[in-house]
Amino acid sequence: MELKSIWKKYYEVAPTQLEKMKQVTGVASVFNANIDAVLKVKPEMMRQWITQLKLDEKQLLASGDKKIVEPMDVLRGLTDSFIKGIAQEWVVFKAETFFWLRDHMGQDRNQMGGQGGIIANVMAVCGIQNTYVHCASLPERQAALFLDRPNLLSVDHQGHLIQASKIHRSDDLPLIHWILEFDKGSQLTLGGEIYSCPKANRFIATYDPLNFKLHIDEGFNKEMRKTSNPLEFILLSGYQLLSEPMQSGGSGLDRIDESWSDVEAWKQAHPGCVIHLEFASTQNLIIRKALVEKLAPLADTLGCNEQEEIEMLVVMGEEALSNECAKLMDSVSLFKGLLKIFEKLKPGRIQLHMFGLYLTLARKDWKQSGENMRDGMVFAATLAAAKAGTGNLEKEENLLWAHGREVSDHSLKELNALSNYLLKAYGIEGFEYSGIAQTAEFQIVAVPTILIEKPVTLVGMGDTISSLSLVGAR
């Protein structure tokens, strides 16, 4: 049977996995939720901002710290993402620069932002019985971005767990991030050279005082410690916003330790609960190193994209591997990098979501079988394609929009390349036909994906993939 037909058959399980999501009694999505101001950026808009700021175009092509102090840094980061076709998130360090963003860039729409908020909406619409979402700030404007569903819960100003969309903590300030999206094939002329964007993606400029210090709501903390609130999964994110030292004073390293004490208490109240840590691009090297060396080994499972994998390898001292991954950015190099992380950190499971392929490594005693993991991954891939094609997963009718579509040629090319490598390195035959294999030490699961040529949005895509792959593997 032709390879596309084989994988189309595997993808038929998506509606069944969606129905199984209703069996999950409780998921906590923490820590960061915010308001995203989304803007589709066109090259002529970039030229206008360059002119307004009277910038030397060479400044935008120069390397430098991946952080935003002045408005010029916003354009520098956006230009770097545009030319490379990669997703990046840089932190805004000055309120005045944030105000410039607000006053000059405009927005096409507001949408749910932050891994915690995005994942919570997805979990709720998929039918999880109780989805608990942590919010450092929950005014009416933020609450309006949560789905109007009774299974999506947060805490009000009195610390009571109620429907998130109905909460209005009037004293809380809105937390707004700027999501600057760009299209594949767009062309920008800088310094007399024409740059064509190789892949649709986005650049995120983040100014978020509360999440910058990983503020944990006291009422939410108390609710998660109650055995009466069922909890099967804790999905962690938001650590990328920390710095060392923190802008507001104090230590980001201390906040990692303090937050883990709370998470550990939640797990102790719910034996068997699985903790998943989702990496995001973390620019502060001290924090990134601490997340890799201190927090990641404590989590049950880990998730990352290509760029985040490379950043992890860098702080682990694996320069040769990180350089190989950055240069080739293909399934074989990224598999080798992921395996090195897996061997050093020893999680129960780690998943990479790269362009065209999802790849999971798991211990042989991991609680989900290879078939379960593959089912979860094709379910996640189906919904990720639906998100790209429709723009959101906030309506139940959108969830299976991509069901029945074939995986892409590019995805199968990456799968075949990995299969050939596994044959040579481990003697594994026919990996491309099942996406499941075992060595003496670990399990390997890979799934080629459905690619949408002109995605409506890519915001929150990685978070959606990681959470659905894990929770949907049943």
Protein backbone atom coordinates (compact mmCIF):
# COMPACT_ATOMS: atom_id res chain seq x y z
CA MET A 1 0.00 0.00 0.00
CA GLU A 2 1.22 3.51 -0.84
CA LEU A 3 2.72 5.34 2.15
CA LYS A 4 0.22 8.22 2.07
CA SER A 5 -2.66 5.74 2.18
CA ILE A 6 -1.12 3.91 5.14
CA TRP A 7 -0.86 7.13 7.13
CA LYS A 8 -4.32 8.28 6.10
CA LYS A 9 -5.55 5.04 7.67
CA TYR A 10 -3.71 5.81 10.92
CA TYR A 11 -5.28 9.27 10.94
CA GLU A 12 -8.78 7.79 10.92
CA VAL A 13 -8.50 7.43 14.70
CA ALA A 14 -8.79 11.20 15.29
CA PRO A 15 -12.58 11.31 15.97
CA THR A 16 -12.23 8.38 18.39
CA GLN A 17 -9.44 10.13 20.28
CA LEU A 18 -11.54 13.28 20.48
CA GLU A 19 -14.35 11.29 22.08
CA LYS A 20 -11.86 9.75 24.54
CA MET A 21 -10.86 13.23 25.74
CA LYS A 22 -14.16 13.32 27.63
CA GLN A 23 -12.82 10.57 29.89
CA VAL A 24 -10.12 12.87 31.32
CA THR A 25 -11.30 14.14 34.69
CA GLY A 26 -8.99 17.10 35.20
CA VAL A 27 -6.19 19.12 33.56
CA ALA A 28 -4.42 22.16 35.06
CA SER A 29 -2.99 24.61 32.52
CA VAL A 30 -0.47 26.93 34.18
CA PHE A 31 1.05 29.50 34.53
CA ASN A 32 0.69 32.16 31.84
CA ALA A 33 -2.44 33.58 30.24
CA ASN A 34 -2.62 36.99 28.60
CA ILE A 35 -4.22 39.00 25.80
CA ASP A 36 -2.56 38.72 22.40
CA ALA A 37 -2.77 41.71 20.06
CA VAL A 38 -2.29 40.03 16.67
CA LEU A 39 -1.10 41.88 13.59
CA LYS A 40 -0.32 40.48 10.13
CA VAL A 41 2.84 42.34 9.08
CA LYS A 42 3.53 43.18 5.44
CA PRO A 43 6.90 44.39 4.14
CA GLU A 44 5.54 47.87 3.41
CA MET A 45 4.50 48.17 7.06
CA MET A 46 8.04 47.29 8.13
CA ARG A 47 9.42 49.95 5.79
CA GLN A 48 7.05 52.51 7.32
CA TRP A 49 8.24 51.73 10.87
CA ILE A 50 11.88 51.85 9.76
CA THR A 51 11.25 55.31 8.32
CA GLN A 52 9.36 56.52 11.41
CA LEU A 53 12.25 55.49 13.66
CA LYS A 54 14.86 56.83 11.20
CA LEU A 55 16.79 53.57 11.42
CA ASP A 56 19.95 52.56 9.65
CA GLU A 57 18.96 49.36 7.81
CA LYS A 58 22.30 47.77 8.74
CA GLN A 59 21.23 47.94 12.39
CA LEU A 60 18.37 45.57 11.67
CA LEU A 61 20.72 42.96 10.19
CA ALA A 62 23.26 43.15 13.00
CA SER A 63 23.41 40.43 15.62
CA GLY A 64 22.81 41.35 19.25
CA ASP A 65 21.03 40.41 22.44
CA LYS A 66 17.66 38.82 21.88
CA LYS A 67 15.80 41.33 24.01
CA ILE A 68 13.87 44.53 23.42
CA VAL A 69 14.99 47.74 25.08
CA GLU A 70 14.27 50.33 22.39
CA PRO A 71 11.70 50.27 19.54
CA MET A 72 14.56 49.51 17.13
CA ASP A 73 14.97 46.12 18.82
CA VAL A 74 11.39 45.19 17.90
CA LEU A 75 12.24 45.72 14.23
CA ARG A 76 15.58 43.92 14.63
CA GLY A 77 13.90 40.83 16.08
CA LEU A 78 11.07 40.95 13.55
CA THR A 79 13.58 41.21 10.69
CA ASP A 80 15.59 38.25 12.00
CA SER A 81 12.45 36.08 12.26
CA PHE A 82 11.23 37.21 8.83
CA ILE A 83 14.51 36.47 7.02
CA LYS A 84 14.92 33.05 8.67
CA GLY A 85 11.22 32.11 8.73
CA ILE A 86 11.45 31.20 12.42
CA ALA A 87 9.32 31.88 15.48
CA GLN A 88 10.90 33.91 18.26
CA GLU A 89 9.73 35.61 21.43
CA TRP A 90 11.71 38.52 22.86
CA VAL A 91 10.95 40.31 26.11
CA VAL A 92 10.30 44.08 26.23
CA PHE A 93 12.28 45.60 29.10
CA LYS A 94 10.96 49.19 29.06
CA ALA A 95 7.40 50.41 29.50
CA GLU A 96 8.08 53.26 27.05
CA THR A 97 8.89 50.76 24.31
CA PHE A 98 5.69 48.85 25.03
CA PHE A 99 3.75 52.12 24.71
CA TRP A 100 5.42 52.70 21.32
CA LEU A 101 4.14 49.29 20.22
CA ARG A 102 0.67 50.17 21.41
CA ASP A 103 0.62 53.57 19.70
CA HIS A 104 2.29 52.74 16.37
CA MET A 105 1.73 49.12 15.39
CA GLY A 106 -2.01 48.70 15.71
CA GLN A 107 -3.70 45.28 15.73
CA ASP A 108 -6.01 43.16 13.62
CA ARG A 109 -7.64 41.40 16.55
CA ASN A 110 -7.35 40.34 20.18
CA GLN A 111 -7.11 36.65 20.99
CA MET A 112 -6.21 34.38 23.88
CA GLY A 113 -2.51 34.51 24.59
CA GLY A 114 0.01 32.67 26.72
CA GLN A 115 0.54 28.92 26.61
CA GLY A 116 -1.60 28.46 29.72
CA GLY A 117 -4.60 30.31 28.30
CA ILE A 118 -4.39 28.80 24.81
CA ILE A 119 -4.06 25.23 26.10
CA ALA A 120 -6.95 25.73 28.53
CA ASN A 121 -9.36 26.75 25.77
CA VAL A 122 -8.31 23.77 23.64
CA MET A 123 -8.68 21.31 26.53
CA ALA A 124 -12.12 22.67 27.38
CA VAL A 125 -13.50 22.54 23.82
CA CYS A 126 -12.21 18.96 23.49
CA GLY A 127 -14.43 17.99 26.41
CA ILE A 128 -12.05 17.55 29.38
CA GLN A 129 -14.33 17.28 32.40
CA ASN A 130 -12.49 19.94 34.43
CA THR A 131 -9.97 22.31 32.88
CA TYR A 132 -8.34 24.58 35.47
CA VAL A 133 -6.56 27.65 34.11
CA HIS A 134 -4.22 29.83 36.14
CA CYS A 135 -4.40 33.59 35.57
CA ALA A 136 -2.07 36.09 37.18
CA SER A 137 -4.54 38.73 36.00
CA LEU A 138 -8.21 38.13 35.17
CA PRO A 139 -10.11 41.33 34.41
CA GLU A 140 -13.21 41.25 32.22
CA ARG A 141 -11.19 41.82 29.03
CA GLN A 142 -9.13 38.68 29.74
CA ALA A 143 -12.15 36.63 30.85
CA ALA A 144 -13.90 37.42 27.56
CA LEU A 145 -11.22 35.41 25.73
CA PHE A 146 -12.00 32.22 27.65
CA LEU A 147 -14.64 29.99 26.10
CA ASP A 148 -18.10 30.21 27.59
CA ARG A 149 -17.98 26.66 28.92
CA PRO A 150 -18.79 25.34 32.41
CA ASN A 151 -15.82 22.91 32.29
CA LEU A 152 -13.29 25.78 31.99
CA LEU A 153 -12.54 27.04 35.49
CA SER A 154 -10.42 29.62 37.29
CA VAL A 155 -10.65 31.52 40.58
CA ASP A 156 -12.49 34.77 41.26
CA HIS A 157 -11.37 37.61 43.55
CA GLN A 158 -12.54 35.61 46.58
CA GLY A 159 -10.50 32.55 45.58
CA HIS A 160 -13.50 30.48 44.53
CA LEU A 161 -13.21 28.12 41.55
CA ILE A 162 -15.89 29.11 39.01
CA GLN A 163 -16.37 29.37 35.24
CA ALA A 164 -13.44 31.43 33.92
CA SER A 165 -15.42 33.43 31.34
CA LYS A 166 -17.72 34.80 34.05
CA ILE A 167 -14.96 36.18 36.28
CA HIS A 168 -14.19 39.89 36.49
CA ARG A 169 -11.37 40.73 38.89
CA SER A 170 -11.81 44.48 38.44
CA ASP A 171 -8.57 45.46 40.17
CA ASP A 172 -6.41 43.37 37.80
CA LEU A 173 -4.53 45.04 34.94
CA PRO A 174 -4.81 43.52 31.43
CA LEU A 175 -1.60 41.81 30.26
CA ILE A 176 -1.08 42.37 26.51
CA HIS A 177 1.46 40.76 24.14
CA TRP A 178 2.11 41.73 20.52
CA ILE A 179 2.07 38.90 17.95
CA LEU A 180 3.57 40.01 14.63
CA GLU A 181 2.83 37.42 11.93
CA PHE A 182 4.35 37.27 8.45
CA ASP A 183 3.74 35.23 5.29
CA LYS A 184 5.93 32.85 3.33
CA GLY A 185 7.21 34.46 0.13
CA SER A 186 6.93 38.06 1.36
CA GLN A 187 9.92 40.12 0.23
CA LEU A 188 11.78 42.81 2.13
CA THR A 189 14.63 44.93 0.74
CA LEU A 190 17.33 45.89 3.22
CA GLY A 191 20.75 47.32 2.47
CA GLY A 192 20.14 46.86 -1.23
CA GLU A 193 19.47 43.11 -0.87
CA ILE A 194 16.10 41.42 -1.31
CA TYR A 195 15.12 38.93 1.42
CA SER A 196 12.31 36.45 0.76
CA CYS A 197 10.62 34.94 3.82
CA PRO A 198 11.09 31.12 3.61
CA LYS A 199 8.26 30.11 5.96
CA ALA A 200 5.17 31.71 7.49
CA ASN A 201 5.79 32.39 11.17
CA ARG A 202 5.63 35.08 13.87
CA PHE A 203 7.67 37.30 16.15
CA ILE A 204 6.36 37.96 19.66
CA ALA A 205 7.18 41.09 21.66
CA THR A 206 6.22 40.46 25.29
CA TYR A 207 5.70 43.00 28.06
CA ASP A 208 4.07 41.33 31.03
CA PRO A 209 5.04 42.49 34.56
CA LEU A 210 3.09 39.82 36.49
CA ASN A 211 4.05 36.83 34.38
CA PHE A 212 7.62 38.18 34.24
CA LYS A 213 7.87 37.17 37.88
CA LEU A 214 5.76 34.01 37.54
CA HIS A 215 3.12 35.30 39.92
CA ILE A 216 1.00 32.45 41.30
CA ASP A 217 -2.54 33.24 42.36
CA GLU A 218 -3.05 32.22 45.98
CA GLY A 219 -6.64 31.07 45.49
CA PHE A 220 -5.70 28.87 42.54
CA ASN A 221 -2.82 27.38 44.52
CA LYS A 222 -5.18 26.38 47.33
CA GLU A 223 -7.74 24.87 44.95
CA MET A 224 -5.17 22.65 43.24
CA ARG A 225 -4.15 21.22 46.61
CA LYS A 226 -7.68 19.96 47.24
CA THR A 227 -8.16 16.24 46.61
CA SER A 228 -11.80 16.97 45.76
CA ASN A 229 -10.73 18.69 42.50
CA PRO A 230 -9.76 15.83 40.13
CA LEU A 231 -6.41 16.30 38.39
CA GLU A 232 -4.69 13.95 35.91
CA PHE A 233 -2.31 16.31 34.09
CA ILE A 234 -0.43 19.50 34.98
CA LEU A 235 0.74 21.38 31.89
CA LEU A 236 3.52 23.83 32.81
CA SER A 237 4.62 26.83 30.77
CA GLY A 238 5.57 30.47 31.23
CA TYR A 239 9.07 30.06 32.64
CA GLN A 240 10.56 31.69 29.54
CA LEU A 241 9.40 35.06 30.89
CA LEU A 242 11.68 34.89 33.93
CA SER A 243 15.04 36.66 34.08
CA GLU A 244 17.97 36.60 36.46
CA PRO A 245 17.81 38.95 38.24
CA MET A 246 14.14 39.79 37.67
CA GLN A 247 13.18 43.27 36.44
CA SER A 248 11.02 43.80 39.50
CA GLY A 249 13.77 42.68 41.87
CA GLY A 250 14.36 39.27 43.34
CA SER A 251 15.66 36.10 41.76
CA GLY A 252 14.17 34.23 38.82
CA LEU A 253 16.03 31.14 40.02
CA ASP A 254 14.22 31.38 43.36
CA ARG A 255 10.88 31.65 41.54
CA ILE A 256 11.61 28.39 39.71
CA ASP A 257 12.19 26.63 43.03
CA GLU A 258 9.20 28.26 44.73
CA SER A 259 6.82 27.46 41.88
CA TRP A 260 7.96 23.83 41.81
CA SER A 261 7.15 23.50 45.51
CA ASP A 262 3.56 24.45 44.69
CA VAL A 263 3.36 22.11 41.69
CA GLU A 264 4.80 19.27 43.75
CA ALA A 265 2.12 19.84 46.38
CA TRP A 266 -0.57 19.59 43.69
CA LYS A 267 0.87 16.30 42.49
CA GLN A 268 1.07 14.92 46.02
CA ALA A 269 -2.63 15.66 46.42
CA HIS A 270 -3.31 13.74 43.18
CA PRO A 271 -1.15 10.58 43.00
CA GLY A 272 -0.44 9.48 39.43
CA CYS A 273 -0.82 12.98 38.05
CA VAL A 274 1.53 13.63 35.07
CA ILE A 275 3.56 16.86 34.96
CA HIS A 276 4.47 18.16 31.51
CA LEU A 277 6.96 21.01 31.03
CA GLU A 278 6.65 22.88 27.75
CA PHE A 279 9.82 24.71 26.78
CA ALA A 280 9.56 28.05 25.07
CA SER A 281 12.32 30.18 23.63
CA THR A 282 14.08 31.40 26.80
CA GLN A 283 16.45 34.29 26.12
CA ASN A 284 17.95 34.61 29.60
CA LEU A 285 20.77 32.06 29.56
CA ILE A 286 20.86 31.69 33.34
CA ILE A 287 17.15 30.85 33.44
CA ARG A 288 17.40 28.56 30.41
CA LYS A 289 20.25 26.64 32.01
CA ALA A 290 18.32 26.31 35.28
CA LEU A 291 15.23 25.05 33.46
CA VAL A 292 17.30 22.41 31.67
CA GLU A 293 19.39 21.35 34.65
CA LYS A 294 16.98 21.79 37.57
CA LEU A 295 13.35 21.79 36.42
CA ALA A 296 13.31 19.49 33.38
CA PRO A 297 14.65 16.46 35.29
CA LEU A 298 11.78 16.84 37.77
CA ALA A 299 9.01 16.83 35.16
CA ASP A 300 7.50 13.61 33.81
CA THR A 301 7.43 14.77 30.19
CA LEU A 302 8.96 17.57 28.10
CA GLY A 303 7.98 19.36 24.89
CA CYS A 304 9.87 21.62 22.48
CA ASN A 305 10.16 22.82 18.89
CA GLU A 306 13.29 22.86 16.70
CA GLN A 307 14.62 26.19 17.96
CA GLU A 308 13.98 25.32 21.59
CA GLU A 309 15.77 21.99 21.17
CA ILE A 310 18.79 23.82 19.80
CA GLU A 311 18.72 26.28 22.70
CA MET A 312 18.61 23.40 25.19
CA LEU A 313 21.59 21.73 23.53
CA VAL A 314 23.56 24.98 23.72
CA VAL A 315 23.24 25.31 27.51
CA MET A 316 23.98 21.59 27.89
CA GLY A 317 27.35 22.19 26.25
CA GLU A 318 26.47 20.14 23.15
CA GLU A 319 27.78 22.71 20.70
CA ALA A 320 28.54 20.32 17.84
CA LEU A 321 25.03 18.84 17.95
CA SER A 322 23.36 22.23 18.31
CA ASN A 323 25.31 23.54 15.32
CA GLU A 324 24.39 20.46 13.25
CA CYS A 325 20.70 20.90 14.11
CA ALA A 326 20.78 24.63 13.36
CA LYS A 327 22.51 24.05 10.01
CA LEU A 328 20.46 21.08 8.74
CA MET A 329 17.17 21.47 10.65
CA ASP A 330 16.07 18.02 9.44
CA SER A 331 14.61 14.95 11.11
CA VAL A 332 17.92 13.11 11.45
CA SER A 333 19.92 15.90 13.06
CA LEU A 334 17.03 16.83 15.32
CA PHE A 335 16.53 13.19 16.33
CA LYS A 336 20.17 12.98 17.38
CA GLY A 337 19.82 16.20 19.37
CA LEU A 338 16.60 15.07 21.01
CA LEU A 339 18.14 11.74 21.93
CA LYS A 340 21.05 13.51 23.63
CA ILE A 341 18.61 15.58 25.70
CA PHE A 342 16.61 12.44 26.53
CA GLU A 343 19.71 10.57 27.66
CA LYS A 344 20.99 13.42 29.83
CA LEU A 345 17.75 14.59 31.45
CA LYS A 346 16.08 11.16 31.65
CA PRO A 347 12.41 12.25 31.44
CA GLY A 348 9.71 9.65 31.03
CA ARG A 349 8.94 11.15 27.64
CA ILE A 350 10.05 14.02 25.41
CA GLN A 351 8.36 15.30 22.27
CA LEU A 352 9.65 17.48 19.45
CA HIS A 353 7.22 19.20 17.12
CA MET A 354 9.22 20.16 14.04
CA PHE A 355 8.00 21.36 10.68
CA GLY A 356 6.33 18.35 9.07
CA LEU A 357 7.06 15.75 11.74
CA TYR A 358 6.28 15.07 15.39
CA LEU A 359 8.85 12.92 17.18
CA THR A 360 8.52 11.35 20.63
CA LEU A 361 11.10 9.46 22.67
CA ALA A 362 9.92 7.61 25.76
CA ARG A 363 11.28 5.21 28.34
CA LYS A 364 10.25 1.61 27.77
CA ASP A 365 8.22 1.70 30.99
CA TRP A 366 6.34 4.89 30.05
CA LYS A 367 2.64 4.55 30.90
CA GLN A 368 1.47 5.14 27.31
CA SER A 369 2.18 2.48 24.66
CA GLY A 370 3.67 3.27 21.27
CA GLU A 371 0.24 2.86 19.68
CA ASN A 372 -1.34 5.15 22.29
CA MET A 373 1.31 7.79 21.67
CA ARG A 374 0.88 7.57 17.91
CA ASP A 375 -2.90 7.92 18.29
CA GLY A 376 -2.38 11.00 20.45
CA MET A 377 0.07 12.49 17.97
CA VAL A 378 -2.14 12.01 14.89
CA PHE A 379 -5.02 13.47 16.90
CA ALA A 380 -2.86 16.48 17.75
CA ALA A 381 -1.72 16.79 14.13
CA THR A 382 -5.32 16.76 12.91
CA LEU A 383 -6.33 19.53 15.31
CA ALA A 384 -3.16 21.52 14.64
CA ALA A 385 -3.97 21.49 10.92
CA ALA A 386 -7.51 22.58 11.77
CA LYS A 387 -6.14 25.47 13.82
CA ALA A 388 -3.87 26.52 10.95
CA GLY A 389 -6.66 26.23 8.41
CA THR A 390 -9.53 27.84 10.32
CA GLY A 391 -7.65 30.22 12.61
CA ASN A 392 -8.87 28.80 15.91
CA LEU A 393 -10.09 25.73 17.78
CA GLU A 394 -12.71 27.57 19.80
CA LYS A 395 -15.65 25.98 17.99
CA GLU A 396 -16.35 22.26 18.16
CA GLU A 397 -17.14 22.17 14.44
CA ASN A 398 -13.58 23.32 13.68
CA LEU A 399 -11.84 20.52 15.56
CA LEU A 400 -12.01 17.88 12.82
CA TRP A 401 -11.82 20.32 9.90
CA ALA A 402 -8.66 18.61 8.61
CA HIS A 403 -9.87 15.03 9.19
CA GLY A 404 -9.51 13.00 6.00
CA ARG A 405 -6.71 15.11 4.54
CA GLU A 406 -3.46 13.46 3.53
CA VAL A 407 -0.09 14.03 5.14
CA SER A 408 2.27 16.21 3.12
CA ASP A 409 5.04 15.09 0.78
CA HIS A 410 7.53 17.09 2.85
CA SER A 411 6.43 15.23 5.99
CA LEU A 412 6.94 11.83 4.36
CA LYS A 413 10.35 12.93 3.12
CA GLU A 414 11.39 13.72 6.71
CA LEU A 415 9.93 10.42 7.95
CA ASN A 416 11.77 8.43 5.27
CA ALA A 417 15.05 10.16 6.10
CA LEU A 418 14.63 9.28 9.78
CA SER A 419 13.65 5.72 8.90
CA ASN A 420 16.82 5.28 6.83
CA TYR A 421 18.92 6.61 9.70
CA LEU A 422 17.27 4.27 12.23
CA LEU A 423 17.96 1.31 9.93
CA LYS A 424 21.66 2.16 9.76
CA ALA A 425 22.09 3.16 13.41
CA TYR A 426 19.86 0.60 15.15
CA GLY A 427 18.88 -2.00 12.56
CA ILE A 428 15.23 -0.90 12.75
CA GLU A 429 13.36 -1.87 9.58
CA GLY A 430 10.18 -0.41 8.09
CA PHE A 431 9.85 2.47 10.53
CA GLU A 432 8.18 4.63 7.88
CA TYR A 433 5.22 2.22 7.72
CA SER A 434 4.26 2.38 11.41
CA GLY A 435 6.15 5.28 13.01
CA ILE A 436 6.76 3.05 16.05
CA ALA A 437 9.97 1.32 17.12
CA GLN A 438 11.93 0.22 20.18
CA THR A 439 15.59 -0.06 20.98
CA ALA A 440 16.99 -1.77 24.05
CA GLU A 441 16.76 1.53 25.93
CA PHE A 442 13.80 3.57 24.63
CA GLN A 443 10.71 3.86 22.43
CA ILE A 444 10.55 6.01 19.29
CA VAL A 445 7.31 7.32 17.79
CA ALA A 446 7.14 9.62 14.76
CA VAL A 447 4.14 10.98 12.88
CA PRO A 448 4.19 12.85 9.54
CA THR A 449 1.83 15.80 9.59
CA ILE A 450 -0.79 17.55 7.53
CA LEU A 451 0.61 20.89 6.35
CA ILE A 452 -1.59 23.85 5.46
CA GLU A 453 -0.08 25.88 2.63
CA LYS A 454 -1.37 29.28 3.78
CA PRO A 455 -2.12 29.07 7.50
CA VAL A 456 -4.52 31.60 9.01
CA THR A 457 -2.48 31.60 12.22
CA LEU A 458 0.40 29.76 13.87
CA VAL A 459 0.11 31.33 17.33
CA GLY A 460 0.03 28.71 20.06
CA MET A 461 0.56 25.88 17.59
CA GLY A 462 3.35 24.15 19.51
CA ASP A 463 1.47 24.33 22.79
CA THR A 464 -1.60 22.83 21.14
CA ILE A 465 0.42 19.99 19.64
CA SER A 466 2.26 19.08 22.85
CA SER A 467 -0.77 19.13 25.12
CA LEU A 468 -3.09 17.23 22.76
CA SER A 469 -0.42 14.61 21.98
CA LEU A 470 0.01 13.86 25.67
CA VAL A 471 -3.56 14.10 26.96
CA GLY A 472 -5.01 12.54 23.79
CA ALA A 473 -2.83 9.42 23.96
CA ARG A 474 -5.45 7.04 25.33
